[in-house]
mmCIF file of all heavy atoms, coordinates in Angstrom:
data_MODEL
# 
_entry.id   MODEL 
# 
loop_
_atom_site.group_PDB 
_atom_site.id 
_atom_site.type_symbol 
_atom_site.label_atom_id 
_atom_site.label_alt_id 
_atom_site.label_comp_id 
_atom_site.label_asym_id 
_atom_site.label_entity_id 
_atom_site.label_seq_id 
_atom_site.pdbx_PDB_ins_code 
_atom_site.Cartn_x 
_atom_site.Cartn_y 
_atom_site.Cartn_z 
_atom_site.occupancy 
_atom_site.B_iso_or_equiv 
_atom_site.pdbx_formal_charge 
_atom_site.auth_seq_id 
_atom_site.auth_comp_id 
_atom_site.auth_asym_id 
_atom_site.auth_atom_id 
_atom_site.pdbx_PDB_model_num 
ATOM 1   N N   . PRO A 1 1  ? 40.540 51.038 26.024 1.00 0.00 ? 1  PRO A N   1 
ATOM 2   C CA  . PRO A 1 1  ? 40.895 50.510 27.349 1.00 0.00 ? 1  PRO A CA  1 
ATOM 3   C C   . PRO A 1 1  ? 39.832 50.915 28.372 1.00 0.00 ? 1  PRO A C   1 
ATOM 4   O O   . PRO A 1 1  ? 39.192 51.967 28.243 1.00 0.00 ? 1  PRO A O   1 
ATOM 5   C CB  . PRO A 1 1  ? 42.236 51.172 27.642 1.00 0.00 ? 1  PRO A CB  1 
ATOM 6   C CG  . PRO A 1 1  ? 42.206 52.449 26.866 1.00 0.00 ? 1  PRO A CG  1 
ATOM 7   C CD  . PRO A 1 1  ? 41.358 52.196 25.659 1.00 0.00 ? 1  PRO A CD  1 
ATOM 8   N N   . GLU A 1 2  ? 39.647 50.075 29.388 1.00 0.00 ? 2  GLU A N   1 
ATOM 9   C CA  . GLU A 1 2  ? 38.648 50.329 30.416 1.00 0.00 ? 2  GLU A CA  1 
ATOM 10  C C   . GLU A 1 2  ? 39.229 49.985 31.788 1.00 0.00 ? 2  GLU A C   1 
ATOM 11  O O   . GLU A 1 2  ? 40.139 49.163 31.909 1.00 0.00 ? 2  GLU A O   1 
ATOM 12  C CB  . GLU A 1 2  ? 37.394 49.490 30.174 1.00 0.00 ? 2  GLU A CB  1 
ATOM 13  C CG  . GLU A 1 2  ? 36.737 49.735 28.834 1.00 0.00 ? 2  GLU A CG  1 
ATOM 14  C CD  . GLU A 1 2  ? 35.598 48.781 28.541 1.00 0.00 ? 2  GLU A CD  1 
ATOM 15  O OE1 . GLU A 1 2  ? 35.335 47.882 29.368 1.00 0.00 ? 2  GLU A OE1 1 
ATOM 16  O OE2 . GLU A 1 2  ? 34.974 48.922 27.486 1.00 0.00 ? 2  GLU A OE2 1 
ATOM 17  N N   . LEU A 1 3  ? 38.665 50.584 32.823 1.00 0.00 ? 3  LEU A N   1 
ATOM 18  C CA  . LEU A 1 3  ? 39.000 50.262 34.204 1.00 0.00 ? 3  LEU A CA  1 
ATOM 19  C C   . LEU A 1 3  ? 37.684 50.066 34.944 1.00 0.00 ? 3  LEU A C   1 
ATOM 20  O O   . LEU A 1 3  ? 36.890 51.000 35.064 1.00 0.00 ? 3  LEU A O   1 
ATOM 21  C CB  . LEU A 1 3  ? 39.828 51.382 34.835 1.00 0.00 ? 3  LEU A CB  1 
ATOM 22  C CG  . LEU A 1 3  ? 40.279 51.153 36.276 1.00 0.00 ? 3  LEU A CG  1 
ATOM 23  C CD1 . LEU A 1 3  ? 41.214 49.942 36.358 1.00 0.00 ? 3  LEU A CD1 1 
ATOM 24  C CD2 . LEU A 1 3  ? 40.953 52.386 36.839 1.00 0.00 ? 3  LEU A CD2 1 
ATOM 25  N N   . LEU A 1 4  ? 37.449 48.827 35.442 1.00 0.00 ? 4  LEU A N   1 
ATOM 26  C CA  . LEU A 1 4  ? 36.152 48.478 35.989 1.00 0.00 ? 4  LEU A CA  1 
ATOM 27  C C   . LEU A 1 4  ? 36.281 47.768 37.333 1.00 0.00 ? 4  LEU A C   1 
ATOM 28  O O   . LEU A 1 4  ? 37.154 46.907 37.516 1.00 0.00 ? 4  LEU A O   1 
ATOM 29  C CB  . LEU A 1 4  ? 35.390 47.552 35.026 1.00 0.00 ? 4  LEU A CB  1 
ATOM 30  C CG  . LEU A 1 4  ? 35.207 48.029 33.590 1.00 0.00 ? 4  LEU A CG  1 
ATOM 31  C CD1 . LEU A 1 4  ? 34.684 46.894 32.731 1.00 0.00 ? 4  LEU A CD1 1 
ATOM 32  C CD2 . LEU A 1 4  ? 34.263 49.222 33.548 1.00 0.00 ? 4  LEU A CD2 1 
ATOM 33  N N   . TYR A 1 5  ? 35.401 48.125 38.250 1.00 0.00 ? 5  TYR A N   1 
ATOM 34  C CA  . TYR A 1 5  ? 35.206 47.333 39.473 1.00 0.00 ? 5  TYR A CA  1 
ATOM 35  C C   . TYR A 1 5  ? 34.097 46.345 39.167 1.00 0.00 ? 5  TYR A C   1 
ATOM 36  O O   . TYR A 1 5  ? 33.004 46.735 38.755 1.00 0.00 ? 5  TYR A O   1 
ATOM 37  C CB  . TYR A 1 5  ? 34.839 48.228 40.650 1.00 0.00 ? 5  TYR A CB  1 
ATOM 38  C CG  . TYR A 1 5  ? 34.633 47.461 41.935 1.00 0.00 ? 5  TYR A CG  1 
ATOM 39  C CD1 . TYR A 1 5  ? 35.728 47.070 42.704 1.00 0.00 ? 5  TYR A CD1 1 
ATOM 40  C CD2 . TYR A 1 5  ? 33.365 47.121 42.360 1.00 0.00 ? 5  TYR A CD2 1 
ATOM 41  C CE1 . TYR A 1 5  ? 35.549 46.367 43.877 1.00 0.00 ? 5  TYR A CE1 1 
ATOM 42  C CE2 . TYR A 1 5  ? 33.173 46.410 43.540 1.00 0.00 ? 5  TYR A CE2 1 
ATOM 43  C CZ  . TYR A 1 5  ? 34.271 46.036 44.289 1.00 0.00 ? 5  TYR A CZ  1 
ATOM 44  O OH  . TYR A 1 5  ? 34.098 45.328 45.451 1.00 0.00 ? 5  TYR A OH  1 
ATOM 45  N N   . SER A 1 6  ? 34.356 45.055 39.360 1.00 0.00 ? 6  SER A N   1 
ATOM 46  C CA  . SER A 1 6  ? 33.442 44.026 38.878 1.00 0.00 ? 6  SER A CA  1 
ATOM 47  C C   . SER A 1 6  ? 33.120 43.012 39.968 1.00 0.00 ? 6  SER A C   1 
ATOM 48  O O   . SER A 1 6  ? 33.991 42.636 40.764 1.00 0.00 ? 6  SER A O   1 
ATOM 49  C CB  . SER A 1 6  ? 34.070 43.306 37.677 1.00 0.00 ? 6  SER A CB  1 
ATOM 50  O OG  . SER A 1 6  ? 33.228 42.295 37.188 1.00 0.00 ? 6  SER A OG  1 
ATOM 51  N N   . THR A 1 7  ? 31.863 42.559 40.003 1.00 0.00 ? 7  THR A N   1 
ATOM 52  C CA  . THR A 1 7  ? 31.462 41.485 40.895 1.00 0.00 ? 7  THR A CA  1 
ATOM 53  C C   . THR A 1 7  ? 30.897 40.332 40.068 1.00 0.00 ? 7  THR A C   1 
ATOM 54  O O   . THR A 1 7  ? 30.309 40.542 39.006 1.00 0.00 ? 7  THR A O   1 
ATOM 55  C CB  . THR A 1 7  ? 30.398 41.948 41.908 1.00 0.00 ? 7  THR A CB  1 
ATOM 56  O OG1 . THR A 1 7  ? 29.179 42.265 41.223 1.00 0.00 ? 7  THR A OG1 1 
ATOM 57  C CG2 . THR A 1 7  ? 30.868 43.163 42.689 1.00 0.00 ? 7  THR A CG2 1 
ATOM 58  N N   . SER A 1 8  ? 31.093 39.132 40.563 1.00 0.00 ? 8  SER A N   1 
ATOM 59  C CA  . SER A 1 8  ? 30.556 37.938 39.902 1.00 0.00 ? 8  SER A CA  1 
ATOM 60  C C   . SER A 1 8  ? 30.456 36.828 40.925 1.00 0.00 ? 8  SER A C   1 
ATOM 61  O O   . SER A 1 8  ? 30.919 36.958 42.061 1.00 0.00 ? 8  SER A O   1 
ATOM 62  C CB  . SER A 1 8  ? 31.444 37.505 38.727 1.00 0.00 ? 8  SER A CB  1 
ATOM 63  O OG  . SER A 1 8  ? 32.729 37.160 39.195 1.00 0.00 ? 8  SER A OG  1 
ATOM 64  N N   . GLY A 1 9  ? 29.881 35.711 40.519 1.00 0.00 ? 9  GLY A N   1 
ATOM 65  C CA  . GLY A 1 9  ? 29.791 34.584 41.440 1.00 0.00 ? 9  GLY A CA  1 
ATOM 66  C C   . GLY A 1 9  ? 28.835 33.521 40.961 1.00 0.00 ? 9  GLY A C   1 
ATOM 67  O O   . GLY A 1 9  ? 28.315 33.574 39.842 1.00 0.00 ? 9  GLY A O   1 
ATOM 68  N N   . VAL A 1 10 ? 28.605 32.550 41.834 1.00 0.00 ? 10 VAL A N   1 
ATOM 69  C CA  . VAL A 1 10 ? 27.754 31.413 41.488 1.00 0.00 ? 10 VAL A CA  1 
ATOM 70  C C   . VAL A 1 10 ? 27.159 30.823 42.761 1.00 0.00 ? 10 VAL A C   1 
ATOM 71  O O   . VAL A 1 10 ? 27.757 30.898 43.836 1.00 0.00 ? 10 VAL A O   1 
ATOM 72  C CB  . VAL A 1 10 ? 28.574 30.339 40.714 1.00 0.00 ? 10 VAL A CB  1 
ATOM 73  C CG1 . VAL A 1 10 ? 29.631 29.729 41.596 1.00 0.00 ? 10 VAL A CG1 1 
ATOM 74  C CG2 . VAL A 1 10 ? 27.674 29.277 40.122 1.00 0.00 ? 10 VAL A CG2 1 
ATOM 75  N N   . ASN A 1 11 ? 25.963 30.269 42.619 1.00 0.00 ? 11 ASN A N   1 
ATOM 76  C CA  . ASN A 1 11 ? 25.319 29.519 43.691 1.00 0.00 ? 11 ASN A CA  1 
ATOM 77  C C   . ASN A 1 11 ? 25.236 28.060 43.286 1.00 0.00 ? 11 ASN A C   1 
ATOM 78  O O   . ASN A 1 11 ? 24.833 27.745 42.160 1.00 0.00 ? 11 ASN A O   1 
ATOM 79  C CB  . ASN A 1 11 ? 23.900 30.045 43.955 1.00 0.00 ? 11 ASN A CB  1 
ATOM 80  C CG  . ASN A 1 11 ? 23.901 31.416 44.587 1.00 0.00 ? 11 ASN A CG  1 
ATOM 81  O OD1 . ASN A 1 11 ? 24.664 31.682 45.508 1.00 0.00 ? 11 ASN A OD1 1 
ATOM 82  N ND2 . ASN A 1 11 ? 23.048 32.298 44.101 1.00 0.00 ? 11 ASN A ND2 1 
ATOM 83  N N   . PHE A 1 12 ? 25.626 27.150 44.202 1.00 0.00 ? 12 PHE A N   1 
ATOM 84  C CA  . PHE A 1 12 ? 25.522 25.720 43.950 1.00 0.00 ? 12 PHE A CA  1 
ATOM 85  C C   . PHE A 1 12 ? 24.426 25.126 44.827 1.00 0.00 ? 12 PHE A C   1 
ATOM 86  O O   . PHE A 1 12 ? 24.237 25.543 45.970 1.00 0.00 ? 12 PHE A O   1 
ATOM 87  C CB  . PHE A 1 12 ? 26.841 25.005 44.256 1.00 0.00 ? 12 PHE A CB  1 
ATOM 88  C CG  . PHE A 1 12 ? 27.940 25.322 43.293 1.00 0.00 ? 12 PHE A CG  1 
ATOM 89  C CD1 . PHE A 1 12 ? 29.001 26.122 43.665 1.00 0.00 ? 12 PHE A CD1 1 
ATOM 90  C CD2 . PHE A 1 12 ? 27.918 24.814 42.002 1.00 0.00 ? 12 PHE A CD2 1 
ATOM 91  C CE1 . PHE A 1 12 ? 30.020 26.410 42.775 1.00 0.00 ? 12 PHE A CE1 1 
ATOM 92  C CE2 . PHE A 1 12 ? 28.926 25.102 41.106 1.00 0.00 ? 12 PHE A CE2 1 
ATOM 93  C CZ  . PHE A 1 12 ? 29.982 25.899 41.494 1.00 0.00 ? 12 PHE A CZ  1 
ATOM 94  N N   . SER A 1 13 ? 23.711 24.141 44.297 1.00 0.00 ? 13 SER A N   1 
ATOM 95  C CA  . SER A 1 13 ? 22.702 23.421 45.073 1.00 0.00 ? 13 SER A CA  1 
ATOM 96  C C   . SER A 1 13 ? 23.045 21.940 45.080 1.00 0.00 ? 13 SER A C   1 
ATOM 97  O O   . SER A 1 13 ? 23.806 21.454 44.245 1.00 0.00 ? 13 SER A O   1 
ATOM 98  C CB  . SER A 1 13 ? 21.304 23.649 44.486 1.00 0.00 ? 13 SER A CB  1 
ATOM 99  O OG  . SER A 1 13 ? 21.264 23.262 43.127 1.00 0.00 ? 13 SER A OG  1 
ATOM 100 N N   . ASN A 1 14 ? 22.489 21.229 46.050 1.00 0.00 ? 14 ASN A N   1 
ATOM 101 C CA  . ASN A 1 14 ? 22.725 19.790 46.245 1.00 0.00 ? 14 ASN A CA  1 
ATOM 102 C C   . ASN A 1 14 ? 24.185 19.486 46.576 1.00 0.00 ? 14 ASN A C   1 
ATOM 103 O O   . ASN A 1 14 ? 24.724 18.462 46.164 1.00 0.00 ? 14 ASN A O   1 
ATOM 104 C CB  . ASN A 1 14 ? 22.307 18.983 45.007 1.00 0.00 ? 14 ASN A CB  1 
ATOM 105 C CG  . ASN A 1 14 ? 20.843 19.164 44.668 1.00 0.00 ? 14 ASN A CG  1 
ATOM 106 O OD1 . ASN A 1 14 ? 20.007 19.269 45.558 1.00 0.00 ? 14 ASN A OD1 1 
ATOM 107 N ND2 . ASN A 1 14 ? 20.539 19.215 43.383 1.00 0.00 ? 14 ASN A ND2 1 
ATOM 108 N N   . VAL A 1 15 ? 24.837 20.397 47.300 1.00 0.00 ? 15 VAL A N   1 
ATOM 109 C CA  . VAL A 1 15 ? 26.232 20.156 47.666 1.00 0.00 ? 15 VAL A CA  1 
ATOM 110 C C   . VAL A 1 15 ? 26.306 19.488 49.041 1.00 0.00 ? 15 VAL A C   1 
ATOM 111 O O   . VAL A 1 15 ? 25.451 19.723 49.898 1.00 0.00 ? 15 VAL A O   1 
ATOM 112 C CB  . VAL A 1 15 ? 27.047 21.473 47.675 1.00 0.00 ? 15 VAL A CB  1 
ATOM 113 C CG1 . VAL A 1 15 ? 27.130 22.062 46.288 1.00 0.00 ? 15 VAL A CG1 1 
ATOM 114 C CG2 . VAL A 1 15 ? 26.455 22.474 48.651 1.00 0.00 ? 15 VAL A CG2 1 
ATOM 115 N N   . PRO A 1 16 ? 27.322 18.660 49.272 1.00 0.00 ? 16 PRO A N   1 
ATOM 116 C CA  . PRO A 1 16 ? 27.497 18.049 50.599 1.00 0.00 ? 16 PRO A CA  1 
ATOM 117 C C   . PRO A 1 16 ? 27.805 19.115 51.645 1.00 0.00 ? 16 PRO A C   1 
ATOM 118 O O   . PRO A 1 16 ? 28.282 20.204 51.328 1.00 0.00 ? 16 PRO A O   1 
ATOM 119 C CB  . PRO A 1 16 ? 28.694 17.112 50.400 1.00 0.00 ? 16 PRO A CB  1 
ATOM 120 C CG  . PRO A 1 16 ? 28.818 16.923 48.920 1.00 0.00 ? 16 PRO A CG  1 
ATOM 121 C CD  . PRO A 1 16 ? 28.301 18.183 48.299 1.00 0.00 ? 16 PRO A CD  1 
ATOM 122 N N   . VAL A 1 17 ? 27.536 18.795 52.898 1.00 0.00 ? 17 VAL A N   1 
ATOM 123 C CA  . VAL A 1 17 ? 27.846 19.706 53.997 1.00 0.00 ? 17 VAL A CA  1 
ATOM 124 C C   . VAL A 1 17 ? 29.346 19.968 54.017 1.00 0.00 ? 17 VAL A C   1 
ATOM 125 O O   . VAL A 1 17 ? 30.163 19.054 53.917 1.00 0.00 ? 17 VAL A O   1 
ATOM 126 C CB  . VAL A 1 17 ? 27.390 19.105 55.342 1.00 0.00 ? 17 VAL A CB  1 
ATOM 127 C CG1 . VAL A 1 17 ? 27.858 19.987 56.503 1.00 0.00 ? 17 VAL A CG1 1 
ATOM 128 C CG2 . VAL A 1 17 ? 25.885 18.950 55.361 1.00 0.00 ? 17 VAL A CG2 1 
ATOM 129 N N   . GLY A 1 18 ? 29.702 21.234 54.089 1.00 0.00 ? 18 GLY A N   1 
ATOM 130 C CA  . GLY A 1 18 ? 31.099 21.617 54.105 1.00 0.00 ? 18 GLY A CA  1 
ATOM 131 C C   . GLY A 1 18 ? 31.687 21.925 52.754 1.00 0.00 ? 18 GLY A C   1 
ATOM 132 O O   . GLY A 1 18 ? 32.828 22.348 52.657 1.00 0.00 ? 18 GLY A O   1 
ATOM 133 N N   . SER A 1 19 ? 30.915 21.736 51.666 1.00 0.00 ? 19 SER A N   1 
ATOM 134 C CA  . SER A 1 19 ? 31.381 22.061 50.317 1.00 0.00 ? 19 SER A CA  1 
ATOM 135 C C   . SER A 1 19 ? 30.940 23.479 49.950 1.00 0.00 ? 19 SER A C   1 
ATOM 136 O O   . SER A 1 19 ? 29.969 23.998 50.500 1.00 0.00 ? 19 SER A O   1 
ATOM 137 C CB  . SER A 1 19 ? 30.821 21.073 49.299 1.00 0.00 ? 19 SER A CB  1 
ATOM 138 O OG  . SER A 1 19 ? 31.349 19.780 49.513 1.00 0.00 ? 19 SER A OG  1 
ATOM 139 N N   . PRO A 1 20 ? 31.631 24.117 49.007 1.00 0.00 ? 20 PRO A N   1 
ATOM 140 C CA  . PRO A 1 20 ? 31.244 25.475 48.598 1.00 0.00 ? 20 PRO A CA  1 
ATOM 141 C C   . PRO A 1 20 ? 29.827 25.506 48.028 1.00 0.00 ? 20 PRO A C   1 
ATOM 142 O O   . PRO A 1 20 ? 29.469 24.691 47.186 1.00 0.00 ? 20 PRO A O   1 
ATOM 143 C CB  . PRO A 1 20 ? 32.269 25.817 47.512 1.00 0.00 ? 20 PRO A CB  1 
ATOM 144 C CG  . PRO A 1 20 ? 33.414 24.897 47.751 1.00 0.00 ? 20 PRO A CG  1 
ATOM 145 C CD  . PRO A 1 20 ? 32.836 23.648 48.308 1.00 0.00 ? 20 PRO A CD  1 
ATOM 146 N N   . SER A 1 21 ? 29.016 26.440 48.519 1.00 0.00 ? 21 SER A N   1 
ATOM 147 C CA  . SER A 1 21 ? 27.642 26.555 48.027 1.00 0.00 ? 21 SER A CA  1 
ATOM 148 C C   . SER A 1 21 ? 27.327 27.942 47.478 1.00 0.00 ? 21 SER A C   1 
ATOM 149 O O   . SER A 1 21 ? 26.407 28.100 46.689 1.00 0.00 ? 21 SER A O   1 
ATOM 150 C CB  . SER A 1 21 ? 26.642 26.222 49.145 1.00 0.00 ? 21 SER A CB  1 
ATOM 151 O OG  . SER A 1 21 ? 26.817 27.096 50.243 1.00 0.00 ? 21 SER A OG  1 
ATOM 152 N N   . ASN A 1 22 ? 28.088 28.949 47.885 1.00 0.00 ? 22 ASN A N   1 
ATOM 153 C CA  . ASN A 1 22 ? 27.847 30.312 47.439 1.00 0.00 ? 22 ASN A CA  1 
ATOM 154 C C   . ASN A 1 22 ? 29.192 31.020 47.325 1.00 0.00 ? 22 ASN A C   1 
ATOM 155 O O   . ASN A 1 22 ? 29.916 31.149 48.311 1.00 0.00 ? 22 ASN A O   1 
ATOM 156 C CB  . ASN A 1 22 ? 26.935 31.042 48.438 1.00 0.00 ? 22 ASN A CB  1 
ATOM 157 C CG  . ASN A 1 22 ? 26.515 32.397 47.941 1.00 0.00 ? 22 ASN A CG  1 
ATOM 158 O OD1 . ASN A 1 22 ? 27.154 32.977 47.074 1.00 0.00 ? 22 ASN A OD1 1 
ATOM 159 N ND2 . ASN A 1 22 ? 25.457 32.935 48.513 1.00 0.00 ? 22 ASN A ND2 1 
ATOM 160 N N   . ILE A 1 23 ? 29.542 31.459 46.106 1.00 0.00 ? 23 ILE A N   1 
ATOM 161 C CA  . ILE A 1 23 ? 30.829 32.115 45.870 1.00 0.00 ? 23 ILE A CA  1 
ATOM 162 C C   . ILE A 1 23 ? 30.582 33.504 45.296 1.00 0.00 ? 23 ILE A C   1 
ATOM 163 O O   . ILE A 1 23 ? 29.839 33.649 44.323 1.00 0.00 ? 23 ILE A O   1 
ATOM 164 C CB  . ILE A 1 23 ? 31.704 31.301 44.901 1.00 0.00 ? 23 ILE A CB  1 
ATOM 165 C CG1 . ILE A 1 23 ? 32.003 29.915 45.482 1.00 0.00 ? 23 ILE A CG1 1 
ATOM 166 C CG2 . ILE A 1 23 ? 32.999 32.033 44.586 1.00 0.00 ? 23 ILE A CG2 1 
ATOM 167 C CD1 . ILE A 1 23 ? 32.705 28.992 44.524 1.00 0.00 ? 23 ILE A CD1 1 
ATOM 168 N N   . SER A 1 24 ? 31.195 34.514 45.908 1.00 0.00 ? 24 SER A N   1 
ATOM 169 C CA  . SER A 1 24 ? 31.119 35.884 45.404 1.00 0.00 ? 24 SER A CA  1 
ATOM 170 C C   . SER A 1 24 ? 32.537 36.426 45.253 1.00 0.00 ? 24 SER A C   1 
ATOM 171 O O   . SER A 1 24 ? 33.348 36.315 46.177 1.00 0.00 ? 24 SER A O   1 
ATOM 172 C CB  . SER A 1 24 ? 30.324 36.782 46.360 1.00 0.00 ? 24 SER A CB  1 
ATOM 173 O OG  . SER A 1 24 ? 28.994 36.350 46.470 1.00 0.00 ? 24 SER A OG  1 
ATOM 174 N N   . LEU A 1 25 ? 32.813 37.003 44.076 1.00 0.00 ? 25 LEU A N   1 
ATOM 175 C CA  . LEU A 1 25 ? 34.138 37.530 43.781 1.00 0.00 ? 25 LEU A CA  1 
ATOM 176 C C   . LEU A 1 25 ? 34.041 39.012 43.426 1.00 0.00 ? 25 LEU A C   1 
ATOM 177 O O   . LEU A 1 25 ? 33.135 39.423 42.702 1.00 0.00 ? 25 LEU A O   1 
ATOM 178 C CB  . LEU A 1 25 ? 34.776 36.769 42.613 1.00 0.00 ? 25 LEU A CB  1 
ATOM 179 C CG  . LEU A 1 25 ? 34.918 35.257 42.775 1.00 0.00 ? 25 LEU A CG  1 
ATOM 180 C CD1 . LEU A 1 25 ? 35.478 34.642 41.506 1.00 0.00 ? 25 LEU A CD1 1 
ATOM 181 C CD2 . LEU A 1 25 ? 35.792 34.914 43.972 1.00 0.00 ? 25 LEU A CD2 1 
# 
């Protein structure tokens, strides 16, 4: 078993104005 603090995410390109472009979790 493990206990971890974790970060992840994604960058999108060519998205319309007002759409998600950078997500960090």
